[in-house]
Amino acid sequence: MKKKIHPKYYNDCRVKCACGNTFTVGSTKEFIETEICSKCHSFYTGKEKLLDVMGQVQKFKKRLAKKKKK
């Protein structure tokens, strides 16, 4: 690796989420603020909601059924 071209690496970078959760990671930044983390993201909390906008699931199933008939 070339000398003096890489940014400084912080092994104990502090991350603060909007929900109040804080943790440390390795990063090239000393402090990171984020809006969503694993403590508040719906996928990780188990409160994930699947939205079927304008019947997209039904449209997909209908197309799939047409292809299977052919």
Protein backbone atom coordinates (compact mmCIF):
# COMPACT_ATOMS: atom_id res chain seq x y z
CA MET A 1 0.00 0.00 0.00
CA LYS A 2 1.15 3.51 -0.71
CA LYS A 3 1.98 5.74 2.22
CA LYS A 4 -0.03 8.87 3.13
CA ILE A 5 -2.95 8.31 0.71
CA HIS A 6 -5.31 6.41 3.00
CA PRO A 7 -7.59 8.16 5.50
CA LYS A 8 -7.10 7.66 9.23
CA TYR A 9 -8.97 4.60 10.52
CA TYR A 10 -10.80 4.77 13.86
CA ASN A 11 -11.31 1.40 15.55
CA ASP A 12 -13.72 2.91 18.06
CA CYS A 13 -15.97 5.09 15.91
CA ARG A 14 -19.11 6.03 17.87
CA VAL A 15 -22.45 5.62 16.07
CA LYS A 16 -25.56 7.33 17.39
CA CYS A 17 -29.01 6.49 16.03
CA ALA A 18 -32.07 8.76 16.08
CA CYS A 19 -33.78 6.21 18.37
CA GLY A 20 -31.09 6.80 21.01
CA ASN A 21 -29.11 3.60 20.49
CA THR A 22 -25.32 4.01 20.48
CA PHE A 23 -22.58 1.53 19.55
CA THR A 24 -19.01 1.46 18.25
CA VAL A 25 -17.65 0.23 14.93
CA GLY A 26 -14.52 0.66 12.86
CA SER A 27 -14.66 3.53 10.37
CA THR A 28 -12.74 6.31 8.70
CA LYS A 29 -14.98 8.78 10.55
CA GLU A 30 -14.71 9.46 14.26
CA PHE A 31 -18.46 9.95 14.84
CA ILE A 32 -21.49 8.86 12.75
CA GLU A 33 -25.13 9.87 13.18
CA THR A 34 -27.77 7.68 11.55
CA GLU A 35 -31.57 7.64 11.38
CA ILE A 36 -32.13 3.87 11.47
CA CYS A 37 -30.23 1.05 13.18
CA SER A 38 -30.85 -2.63 13.89
CA LYS A 39 -32.63 -1.76 17.16
CA CYS A 40 -35.34 0.32 15.44
CA HIS A 41 -35.49 -0.98 11.84
CA SER A 42 -38.75 -2.83 11.18
CA PHE A 43 -37.00 -5.81 9.55
CA TYR A 44 -34.94 -6.54 12.67
CA THR A 45 -37.67 -5.77 15.22
CA GLY A 46 -40.12 -8.19 13.59
CA LYS A 47 -42.70 -5.51 12.88
CA GLU A 48 -42.15 -5.60 9.13
CA LYS A 49 -45.21 -4.84 7.03
CA LEU A 50 -45.60 -5.88 3.43
CA LEU A 51 -47.60 -3.41 1.40
CA ASP A 52 -49.52 -4.56 -1.64
CA VAL A 53 -49.85 -1.38 -3.66
CA MET A 54 -52.58 -1.52 -6.30
CA GLY A 55 -52.85 -5.31 -6.23
CA GLN A 56 -49.34 -5.99 -7.52
CA VAL A 57 -49.29 -9.44 -5.93
CA GLN A 58 -52.54 -10.41 -7.66
CA LYS A 59 -51.25 -9.11 -11.00
CA PHE A 60 -48.08 -11.16 -10.59
CA LYS A 61 -50.00 -14.31 -9.71
CA LYS A 62 -52.28 -13.82 -12.73
CA ARG A 63 -49.28 -13.48 -15.09
CA LEU A 64 -47.62 -16.50 -13.49
CA ALA A 65 -50.78 -18.57 -13.98
CA LYS A 66 -50.93 -17.57 -17.69
CA LYS A 67 -47.35 -18.72 -18.23
CA LYS A 68 -47.97 -22.04 -16.51
CA LYS A 69 -50.99 -22.74 -18.78
CA LYS A 70 -48.90 -22.33 -21.96
